[in-house]
Amino acid sequence: MTEKRYVLDAHVAQQKLHRMALEIAERTSGDSEPLILIGVRNSGSVIAARIADFLQPYINVPVTVTSVKLDKHNPSTVELADPIDVDDKNIIVIDDVCNTGKTLLYSMKALLDHHPKRIQTLVLVDRMHKLFPVKPDYIGLSLATTSQDFIHVESENGEVTGAYIGQ
């Protein structure tokens, strides 16, 4: 078994999530529309919940957290966990790692029949191997990796506990 090469520990991950929440608050200041955070199950949902917690002191609009369910290898069916109204809302789709952009792009299928005010994306780690036209709006850590490397985000009890490079 190979040793895990950590790129984020729990403390640094929390700092990056807090910084991204501040960026969101800054970019959405003055907006009166509610904010919906949509986490890609499972780690994206943990990150979305933490971002919502960090946002509370900084924004005055309602924040809703939900998740999107899809098979990342065969994303023919994409559905939101909760039947919520996304029309005229600010939406942020959240995932743990962006590699090719495929998961973030397909996650938006659940929004295509609606009319959100704005859709943005957030990832904890961006690997910069884009094959799809998706560039995250909020990035915790940009990391150059080989295409054989994988980034694994660990979470426990609703907290991100680290991210490491593995195979």
N, C-alpha and C. Protein backbone atom coordinates (compact mmCIF):
# COMPACT_ATOMS: atom_id res chain seq x y z
N MET A 1 0.84 -1.19 0.00
CA MET A 1 0.00 0.00 0.00
C MET A 1 0.88 1.25 0.00
N THR A 2 0.56 2.20 -0.88
CA THR A 2 1.36 3.42 -0.96
C THR A 2 0.89 4.43 0.08
N GLU A 3 1.83 5.25 0.49
CA GLU A 3 1.53 6.28 1.48
C GLU A 3 0.74 7.42 0.83
N LYS A 4 -0.22 7.97 1.58
CA LYS A 4 -1.02 9.08 1.08
C LYS A 4 -0.18 10.35 1.06
N ARG A 5 -0.23 11.05 -0.06
CA ARG A 5 0.48 12.34 -0.17
C ARG A 5 -0.56 13.44 -0.02
N TYR A 6 -0.67 13.98 1.19
CA TYR A 6 -1.69 14.98 1.48
C TYR A 6 -1.34 16.32 0.84
N VAL A 7 -2.35 16.93 0.22
CA VAL A 7 -2.20 18.27 -0.34
C VAL A 7 -2.97 19.28 0.51
N LEU A 8 -3.90 18.79 1.34
CA LEU A 8 -4.66 19.62 2.28
C LEU A 8 -4.87 18.83 3.56
N ASP A 9 -4.62 19.47 4.70
CA ASP A 9 -5.03 18.85 5.96
C ASP A 9 -6.35 19.52 6.38
N ALA A 10 -6.92 19.08 7.48
CA ALA A 10 -8.23 19.58 7.90
C ALA A 10 -8.21 21.09 8.13
N HIS A 11 -7.17 21.58 8.78
CA HIS A 11 -7.09 23.01 9.09
C HIS A 11 -7.03 23.86 7.82
N VAL A 12 -6.16 23.50 6.90
CA VAL A 12 -6.01 24.26 5.65
C VAL A 12 -7.28 24.15 4.81
N ALA A 13 -7.91 22.98 4.79
CA ALA A 13 -9.16 22.82 4.04
C ALA A 13 -10.22 23.77 4.58
N GLN A 14 -10.34 23.89 5.90
CA GLN A 14 -11.32 24.80 6.50
C GLN A 14 -10.99 26.25 6.14
N GLN A 15 -9.73 26.60 6.13
CA GLN A 15 -9.33 27.96 5.74
C GLN A 15 -9.75 28.25 4.30
N LYS A 16 -9.54 27.29 3.42
CA LYS A 16 -9.89 27.48 2.00
C LYS A 16 -11.41 27.58 1.83
N LEU A 17 -12.17 26.77 2.55
CA LEU A 17 -13.63 26.85 2.48
C LEU A 17 -14.12 28.20 3.00
N HIS A 18 -13.52 28.69 4.07
CA HIS A 18 -13.90 29.99 4.62
C HIS A 18 -13.58 31.11 3.63
N ARG A 19 -12.40 31.04 3.01
CA ARG A 19 -12.03 32.05 2.01
C ARG A 19 -13.00 32.05 0.84
N MET A 20 -13.38 30.87 0.37
CA MET A 20 -14.33 30.81 -0.75
C MET A 20 -15.69 31.36 -0.35
N ALA A 21 -16.11 31.12 0.89
CA ALA A 21 -17.38 31.69 1.38
C ALA A 21 -17.30 33.22 1.38
N LEU A 22 -16.17 33.76 1.78
CA LEU A 22 -16.00 35.22 1.75
C LEU A 22 -16.06 35.74 0.31
N GLU A 23 -15.46 35.03 -0.63
CA GLU A 23 -15.52 35.43 -2.04
C GLU A 23 -16.96 35.43 -2.54
N ILE A 24 -17.72 34.41 -2.16
CA ILE A 24 -19.13 34.33 -2.56
C ILE A 24 -19.90 35.52 -1.98
N ALA A 25 -19.69 35.81 -0.71
CA ALA A 25 -20.37 36.93 -0.06
C ALA A 25 -20.02 38.24 -0.76
N GLU A 26 -18.77 38.38 -1.13
CA GLU A 26 -18.33 39.60 -1.81
C GLU A 26 -18.98 39.73 -3.19
N ARG A 27 -18.99 38.65 -3.96
CA ARG A 27 -19.54 38.69 -5.32
C ARG A 27 -21.06 38.82 -5.34
N THR A 28 -21.73 38.37 -4.29
CA THR A 28 -23.19 38.42 -4.28
C THR A 28 -23.73 39.56 -3.41
N SER A 29 -22.84 40.39 -2.87
CA SER A 29 -23.32 41.51 -2.05
C SER A 29 -24.18 42.42 -2.92
N GLY A 30 -25.27 42.87 -2.38
CA GLY A 30 -26.20 43.70 -3.14
C GLY A 30 -27.29 42.90 -3.81
N ASP A 31 -27.11 41.59 -3.95
CA ASP A 31 -28.16 40.74 -4.53
C ASP A 31 -29.24 40.50 -3.48
N SER A 32 -30.48 40.52 -3.91
CA SER A 32 -31.58 40.22 -2.98
C SER A 32 -32.16 38.83 -3.22
N GLU A 33 -31.70 38.16 -4.27
CA GLU A 33 -32.21 36.84 -4.59
C GLU A 33 -31.58 35.79 -3.67
N PRO A 34 -32.36 34.77 -3.30
CA PRO A 34 -31.82 33.69 -2.48
C PRO A 34 -30.67 32.97 -3.19
N LEU A 35 -29.86 32.31 -2.39
CA LEU A 35 -28.70 31.57 -2.88
C LEU A 35 -28.96 30.08 -2.64
N ILE A 36 -28.75 29.28 -3.66
CA ILE A 36 -28.91 27.83 -3.53
C ILE A 36 -27.56 27.17 -3.80
N LEU A 37 -27.09 26.42 -2.83
CA LEU A 37 -25.84 25.67 -2.95
C LEU A 37 -26.20 24.22 -3.26
N ILE A 38 -25.71 23.71 -4.39
CA ILE A 38 -26.02 22.35 -4.81
C ILE A 38 -24.74 21.53 -4.79
N GLY A 39 -24.62 20.65 -3.83
CA GLY A 39 -23.45 19.80 -3.71
C GLY A 39 -23.59 18.52 -4.51
N VAL A 40 -22.53 18.16 -5.22
CA VAL A 40 -22.51 16.89 -5.94
C VAL A 40 -22.21 15.81 -4.90
N ARG A 41 -23.13 14.85 -4.77
CA ARG A 41 -22.97 13.82 -3.74
C ARG A 41 -21.67 13.06 -3.94
N ASN A 42 -20.93 12.73 -2.95
CA ASN A 42 -21.14 12.89 -1.53
C ASN A 42 -20.28 14.02 -0.95
N SER A 43 -19.02 14.08 -1.35
CA SER A 43 -18.14 15.10 -0.79
C SER A 43 -18.58 16.52 -1.14
N GLY A 44 -19.14 16.71 -2.30
CA GLY A 44 -19.62 18.05 -2.68
C GLY A 44 -20.72 18.52 -1.75
N SER A 45 -21.53 17.60 -1.26
CA SER A 45 -22.60 17.95 -0.31
C SER A 45 -22.03 18.39 1.03
N VAL A 46 -20.97 17.74 1.47
CA VAL A 46 -20.30 18.13 2.72
C VAL A 46 -19.72 19.53 2.57
N ILE A 47 -19.08 19.78 1.44
CA ILE A 47 -18.49 21.10 1.19
C ILE A 47 -19.57 22.17 1.11
N ALA A 48 -20.69 21.87 0.45
CA ALA A 48 -21.78 22.84 0.34
C ALA A 48 -22.31 23.22 1.72
N ALA A 49 -22.48 22.25 2.59
CA ALA A 49 -22.98 22.52 3.95
C ALA A 49 -22.00 23.40 4.73
N ARG A 50 -20.70 23.13 4.59
CA ARG A 50 -19.69 23.94 5.30
C ARG A 50 -19.66 25.36 4.74
N ILE A 51 -19.76 25.52 3.43
CA ILE A 51 -19.79 26.84 2.82
C ILE A 51 -21.00 27.62 3.35
N ALA A 52 -22.15 26.97 3.45
CA ALA A 52 -23.36 27.62 3.96
C ALA A 52 -23.13 28.09 5.39
N ASP A 53 -22.50 27.26 6.22
CA ASP A 53 -22.20 27.66 7.60
C ASP A 53 -21.30 28.90 7.63
N PHE A 54 -20.27 28.89 6.81
CA PHE A 54 -19.34 30.02 6.77
C PHE A 54 -20.00 31.29 6.23
N LEU A 55 -20.98 31.14 5.33
CA LEU A 55 -21.64 32.29 4.72
C LEU A 55 -22.58 33.04 5.66
N GLN A 56 -23.18 32.35 6.61
CA GLN A 56 -24.24 32.92 7.45
C GLN A 56 -23.94 34.32 8.00
N PRO A 57 -22.76 34.59 8.57
CA PRO A 57 -22.53 35.92 9.12
C PRO A 57 -22.35 37.03 8.07
N TYR A 58 -22.15 36.65 6.82
CA TYR A 58 -21.75 37.62 5.82
C TYR A 58 -22.82 38.01 4.80
N ILE A 59 -23.92 37.24 4.71
CA ILE A 59 -24.93 37.58 3.72
C ILE A 59 -26.30 37.67 4.38
N ASN A 60 -27.19 38.42 3.74
CA ASN A 60 -28.52 38.65 4.29
C ASN A 60 -29.64 38.01 3.49
N VAL A 61 -29.30 37.09 2.60
CA VAL A 61 -30.32 36.41 1.81
C VAL A 61 -30.42 34.96 2.28
N PRO A 62 -31.57 34.34 2.07
CA PRO A 62 -31.70 32.94 2.46
C PRO A 62 -30.74 32.05 1.66
N VAL A 63 -30.15 31.07 2.34
CA VAL A 63 -29.27 30.10 1.71
C VAL A 63 -29.89 28.72 1.87
N THR A 64 -30.08 28.04 0.76
CA THR A 64 -30.61 26.69 0.75
C THR A 64 -29.50 25.76 0.29
N VAL A 65 -29.36 24.63 0.98
CA VAL A 65 -28.38 23.62 0.58
C VAL A 65 -29.12 22.36 0.16
N THR A 66 -28.78 21.87 -1.00
CA THR A 66 -29.34 20.61 -1.48
C THR A 66 -28.22 19.87 -2.19
N SER A 67 -28.56 18.74 -2.79
CA SER A 67 -27.55 17.98 -3.50
C SER A 67 -28.10 17.51 -4.83
N VAL A 68 -27.18 17.12 -5.68
CA VAL A 68 -27.54 16.57 -6.98
C VAL A 68 -26.98 15.15 -7.01
N LYS A 69 -27.78 14.25 -7.56
CA LYS A 69 -27.39 12.85 -7.62
C LYS A 69 -27.18 12.47 -9.07
N LEU A 70 -26.00 11.90 -9.36
CA LEU A 70 -25.73 11.40 -10.70
C LEU A 70 -24.65 10.34 -10.64
N ASP A 71 -24.66 9.48 -11.63
CA ASP A 71 -23.59 8.51 -11.80
C ASP A 71 -22.50 9.22 -12.59
N LYS A 72 -21.35 9.44 -11.96
CA LYS A 72 -20.29 10.21 -12.61
C LYS A 72 -19.74 9.56 -13.88
N HIS A 73 -19.91 8.24 -14.01
CA HIS A 73 -19.39 7.54 -15.19
C HIS A 73 -20.43 7.42 -16.30
N ASN A 74 -21.72 7.47 -15.92
CA ASN A 74 -22.79 7.39 -16.91
C ASN A 74 -23.91 8.34 -16.46
N PRO A 75 -23.73 9.63 -16.70
CA PRO A 75 -24.66 10.63 -16.14
C PRO A 75 -25.94 10.84 -16.95
N SER A 76 -26.64 9.76 -17.25
CA SER A 76 -27.86 9.91 -18.04
C SER A 76 -29.01 10.46 -17.20
N THR A 77 -29.05 10.13 -15.92
CA THR A 77 -30.09 10.64 -15.03
C THR A 77 -29.45 11.53 -13.98
N VAL A 78 -29.90 12.77 -13.93
CA VAL A 78 -29.38 13.73 -12.97
C VAL A 78 -30.58 14.36 -12.28
N GLU A 79 -30.61 14.27 -10.93
CA GLU A 79 -31.76 14.83 -10.22
C GLU A 79 -31.33 15.53 -8.94
N LEU A 80 -32.06 16.59 -8.63
CA LEU A 80 -31.85 17.27 -7.36
C LEU A 80 -32.49 16.44 -6.26
N ALA A 81 -31.88 16.44 -5.08
CA ALA A 81 -32.40 15.67 -3.95
C ALA A 81 -33.74 16.22 -3.47
N ASP A 82 -33.93 17.54 -3.59
CA ASP A 82 -35.15 18.19 -3.12
C ASP A 82 -35.83 18.91 -4.27
N PRO A 83 -37.16 18.86 -4.33
CA PRO A 83 -37.86 19.61 -5.38
C PRO A 83 -37.93 21.09 -4.99
N ILE A 84 -36.96 21.87 -5.42
CA ILE A 84 -36.92 23.29 -5.05
C ILE A 84 -37.01 24.16 -6.28
N ASP A 85 -37.50 25.36 -6.08
CA ASP A 85 -37.63 26.34 -7.15
C ASP A 85 -36.29 27.04 -7.34
N VAL A 86 -35.69 26.88 -8.50
CA VAL A 86 -34.40 27.51 -8.77
C VAL A 86 -34.52 28.73 -9.70
N ASP A 87 -35.73 29.03 -10.15
CA ASP A 87 -35.93 30.17 -11.04
C ASP A 87 -35.58 31.47 -10.32
N ASP A 88 -34.85 32.33 -11.02
CA ASP A 88 -34.45 33.65 -10.52
C ASP A 88 -33.61 33.59 -9.24
N LYS A 89 -32.92 32.48 -9.01
CA LYS A 89 -32.06 32.33 -7.84
C LYS A 89 -30.61 32.30 -8.29
N ASN A 90 -29.72 32.63 -7.36
CA ASN A 90 -28.30 32.45 -7.58
C ASN A 90 -27.95 31.01 -7.19
N ILE A 91 -27.33 30.30 -8.10
CA ILE A 91 -27.02 28.89 -7.90
C ILE A 91 -25.50 28.72 -7.90
N ILE A 92 -25.01 27.91 -6.96
CA ILE A 92 -23.60 27.50 -7.01
C ILE A 92 -23.57 25.98 -6.93
N VAL A 93 -23.02 25.35 -7.97
CA VAL A 93 -22.86 23.90 -8.02
C VAL A 93 -21.48 23.60 -7.45
N ILE A 94 -21.44 22.68 -6.47
CA ILE A 94 -20.22 22.46 -5.68
C ILE A 94 -19.79 21.00 -5.77
N ASP A 95 -18.50 20.80 -6.07
CA ASP A 95 -17.92 19.45 -6.07
C ASP A 95 -16.59 19.49 -5.34
N ASP A 96 -16.11 18.31 -4.99
CA ASP A 96 -14.85 18.26 -4.25
C ASP A 96 -13.65 18.51 -5.17
N VAL A 97 -13.61 17.82 -6.31
CA VAL A 97 -12.47 17.91 -7.21
C VAL A 97 -12.98 18.12 -8.64
N CYS A 98 -12.36 19.03 -9.36
CA CYS A 98 -12.66 19.19 -10.79
C CYS A 98 -11.45 18.70 -11.56
N ASN A 99 -11.66 17.67 -12.35
CA ASN A 99 -10.59 17.13 -13.17
C ASN A 99 -10.83 17.53 -14.62
N THR A 100 -11.79 16.90 -15.27
CA THR A 100 -12.06 17.19 -16.68
C THR A 100 -13.18 18.22 -16.87
N GLY A 101 -13.99 18.43 -15.83
CA GLY A 101 -15.14 19.32 -15.93
C GLY A 101 -16.43 18.58 -16.22
N LYS A 102 -16.35 17.28 -16.49
CA LYS A 102 -17.52 16.49 -16.87
C LYS A 102 -18.59 16.46 -15.77
N THR A 103 -18.19 16.20 -14.54
CA THR A 103 -19.18 16.08 -13.46
C THR A 103 -19.90 17.40 -13.23
N LEU A 104 -19.16 18.52 -13.20
CA LEU A 104 -19.82 19.81 -13.02
C LEU A 104 -20.76 20.12 -14.17
N LEU A 105 -20.34 19.82 -15.39
CA LEU A 105 -21.20 20.08 -16.55
C LEU A 105 -22.48 19.26 -16.48
N TYR A 106 -22.37 17.97 -16.24
CA TYR A 106 -23.56 17.11 -16.18
C TYR A 106 -24.43 17.42 -14.97
N SER A 107 -23.84 17.92 -13.89
CA SER A 107 -24.63 18.30 -12.71
C SER A 107 -25.63 19.38 -13.05
N MET A 108 -25.31 20.18 -14.04
CA MET A 108 -26.19 21.29 -14.42
C MET A 108 -27.39 20.84 -15.24
N LYS A 109 -27.42 19.56 -15.66
CA LYS A 109 -28.58 19.05 -16.40
C LYS A 109 -29.87 19.24 -15.62
N ALA A 110 -29.78 19.14 -14.30
CA ALA A 110 -30.97 19.29 -13.46
C ALA A 110 -31.52 20.71 -13.48
N LEU A 111 -30.75 21.66 -13.99
CA LEU A 111 -31.15 23.07 -14.01
C LEU A 111 -31.59 23.55 -15.38
N LEU A 112 -31.42 22.74 -16.41
CA LEU A 112 -31.63 23.20 -17.79
C LEU A 112 -33.07 23.56 -18.13
N ASP A 113 -34.04 22.98 -17.45
CA ASP A 113 -35.44 23.31 -17.73
C ASP A 113 -35.94 24.46 -16.87
N HIS A 114 -35.04 25.15 -16.19
CA HIS A 114 -35.40 26.25 -15.30
C HIS A 114 -34.68 27.52 -15.73
N HIS A 115 -34.90 28.59 -15.00
CA HIS A 115 -34.31 29.88 -15.36
C HIS A 115 -33.66 30.54 -14.15
N PRO A 116 -32.52 30.00 -13.70
CA PRO A 116 -31.83 30.65 -12.58
C PRO A 116 -31.30 32.02 -13.01
N LYS A 117 -31.10 32.88 -12.04
CA LYS A 117 -30.51 34.19 -12.33
C LYS A 117 -29.05 34.01 -12.75
N ARG A 118 -28.33 33.14 -12.02
CA ARG A 118 -26.91 32.95 -12.26
C ARG A 118 -26.54 31.54 -11.79
N ILE A 119 -25.64 30.89 -12.53
CA ILE A 119 -25.09 29.61 -12.10
C ILE A 119 -23.58 29.77 -12.05
N GLN A 120 -23.02 29.42 -10.89
CA GLN A 120 -21.57 29.43 -10.72
C GLN A 120 -21.14 28.06 -10.23
N THR A 121 -19.83 27.83 -10.22
CA THR A 121 -19.30 26.56 -9.76
C THR A 121 -18.21 26.78 -8.73
N LEU A 122 -18.08 25.82 -7.82
CA LEU A 122 -17.07 25.87 -6.77
C LEU A 122 -16.49 24.48 -6.60
N VAL A 123 -15.16 24.39 -6.48
CA VAL A 123 -14.49 23.13 -6.20
C VAL A 123 -13.42 23.36 -5.15
N LEU A 124 -13.20 22.35 -4.32
CA LEU A 124 -12.13 22.45 -3.34
C LEU A 124 -10.78 22.33 -4.02
N VAL A 125 -10.66 21.39 -4.97
CA VAL A 125 -9.39 21.18 -5.69
C VAL A 125 -9.66 21.17 -7.19
N ASP A 126 -8.90 21.98 -7.93
CA ASP A 126 -8.98 22.01 -9.40
C ASP A 126 -7.71 21.40 -9.95
N ARG A 127 -7.86 20.35 -10.77
CA ARG A 127 -6.71 19.62 -11.31
C ARG A 127 -6.25 20.13 -12.67
N MET A 128 -7.01 20.96 -13.32
CA MET A 128 -6.60 21.59 -14.57
C MET A 128 -6.41 20.64 -15.75
N HIS A 129 -7.21 19.58 -15.83
CA HIS A 129 -7.16 18.64 -16.97
C HIS A 129 -8.46 18.76 -17.77
N LYS A 130 -8.90 19.95 -18.10
CA LYS A 130 -10.23 20.16 -18.68
C LYS A 130 -10.38 19.53 -20.06
N LEU A 131 -11.48 18.78 -20.17
CA LEU A 131 -11.91 18.24 -21.46
C LEU A 131 -13.26 18.83 -21.84
N PHE A 132 -13.94 19.44 -20.87
CA PHE A 132 -15.25 20.04 -21.06
C PHE A 132 -15.13 21.53 -20.74
N PRO A 133 -16.00 22.37 -21.32
CA PRO A 133 -15.86 23.82 -21.17
C PRO A 133 -16.39 24.34 -19.82
N VAL A 134 -15.76 23.88 -18.74
CA VAL A 134 -16.15 24.30 -17.40
C VAL A 134 -14.91 24.81 -16.68
N LYS A 135 -14.99 26.04 -16.22
CA LYS A 135 -13.92 26.61 -15.42
C LYS A 135 -14.54 27.04 -14.10
N PRO A 136 -14.14 26.42 -12.98
CA PRO A 136 -14.76 26.77 -11.70
C PRO A 136 -14.60 28.26 -11.38
N ASP A 137 -15.65 28.83 -10.79
CA ASP A 137 -15.62 30.23 -10.39
C ASP A 137 -14.91 30.43 -9.06
N TYR A 138 -15.00 29.42 -8.20
CA TYR A 138 -14.36 29.47 -6.89
C TYR A 138 -13.52 28.22 -6.74
N ILE A 139 -12.24 28.40 -6.43
CA ILE A 139 -11.30 27.29 -6.34
C ILE A 139 -10.55 27.39 -5.02
N GLY A 140 -10.55 26.28 -4.28
CA GLY A 140 -9.79 26.25 -3.03
C GLY A 140 -8.30 26.09 -3.30
N LEU A 141 -7.94 25.13 -4.15
CA LEU A 141 -6.54 24.83 -4.45
C LEU A 141 -6.44 24.38 -5.89
N SER A 142 -5.57 25.02 -6.68
CA SER A 142 -5.27 24.57 -8.04
C SER A 142 -4.02 23.71 -7.95
N LEU A 143 -4.09 22.56 -8.60
CA LEU A 143 -3.00 21.61 -8.44
C LEU A 143 -2.68 20.97 -9.78
N ALA A 144 -1.42 21.02 -10.18
CA ALA A 144 -0.98 20.34 -11.40
C ALA A 144 -0.66 18.90 -11.03
N THR A 145 -1.33 17.97 -11.69
CA THR A 145 -1.11 16.54 -11.44
C THR A 145 -0.95 15.83 -12.77
N THR A 146 -0.53 14.58 -12.71
CA THR A 146 -0.53 13.78 -13.93
C THR A 146 -1.93 13.22 -14.11
N SER A 147 -2.26 12.78 -15.30
CA SER A 147 -3.59 12.23 -15.53
C SER A 147 -3.78 10.89 -14.82
N GLN A 148 -2.70 10.25 -14.38
CA GLN A 148 -2.82 8.98 -13.65
C GLN A 148 -3.10 9.20 -12.16
N ASP A 149 -2.84 10.40 -11.66
CA ASP A 149 -3.08 10.71 -10.26
C ASP A 149 -4.57 10.94 -10.02
N PHE A 150 -5.02 10.65 -8.82
CA PHE A 150 -6.37 10.96 -8.39
C PHE A 150 -6.28 11.75 -7.11
N ILE A 151 -7.19 12.70 -6.95
CA ILE A 151 -7.28 13.44 -5.70
C ILE A 151 -8.47 12.89 -4.94
N HIS A 152 -8.24 12.52 -3.71
CA HIS A 152 -9.29 11.99 -2.84
C HIS A 152 -9.53 13.00 -1.73
N VAL A 153 -10.78 13.41 -1.56
CA VAL A 153 -11.14 14.30 -0.47
C VAL A 153 -11.79 13.46 0.62
N GLU A 154 -11.27 13.59 1.83
CA GLU A 154 -11.79 12.85 2.97
C GLU A 154 -12.68 13.75 3.80
N SER A 155 -13.77 13.17 4.31
CA SER A 155 -14.64 13.92 5.22
C SER A 155 -15.13 12.99 6.31
N GLU A 156 -15.42 13.59 7.44
CA GLU A 156 -15.92 12.82 8.58
C GLU A 156 -16.80 13.73 9.42
N ASN A 157 -17.99 13.25 9.76
CA ASN A 157 -18.93 14.02 10.59
C ASN A 157 -19.22 15.41 10.02
N GLY A 158 -19.38 15.50 8.71
CA GLY A 158 -19.73 16.77 8.09
C GLY A 158 -18.59 17.76 7.95
N GLU A 159 -17.36 17.33 8.16
CA GLU A 159 -16.18 18.18 8.04
C GLU A 159 -15.21 17.59 7.03
N VAL A 160 -14.57 18.45 6.24
CA VAL A 160 -13.51 17.99 5.35
C VAL A 160 -12.27 17.78 6.22
N THR A 161 -11.72 16.57 6.18
CA THR A 161 -10.58 16.26 7.03
C THR A 161 -9.26 16.22 6.27
N GLY A 162 -9.32 16.30 4.94
CA GLY A 162 -8.09 16.32 4.17
C GLY A 162 -8.32 15.95 2.72
N ALA A 163 -7.25 16.15 1.94
CA ALA A 163 -7.26 15.73 0.53
C ALA A 163 -5.86 15.22 0.22
N TYR A 164 -5.80 14.12 -0.52
CA TYR A 164 -4.51 13.55 -0.84
C TYR A 164 -4.48 13.04 -2.27
N ILE A 165 -3.27 12.89 -2.78
CA ILE A 165 -3.04 12.34 -4.11
C ILE A 165 -2.84 10.84 -3.97
N GLY A 166 -3.59 10.09 -4.75
CA GLY A 166 -3.46 8.63 -4.74
C GLY A 166 -3.59 8.11 -6.14
N GLN A 167 -3.63 6.80 -6.26
CA GLN A 167 -3.73 6.18 -7.57
C GLN A 167 -5.03 5.44 -7.70
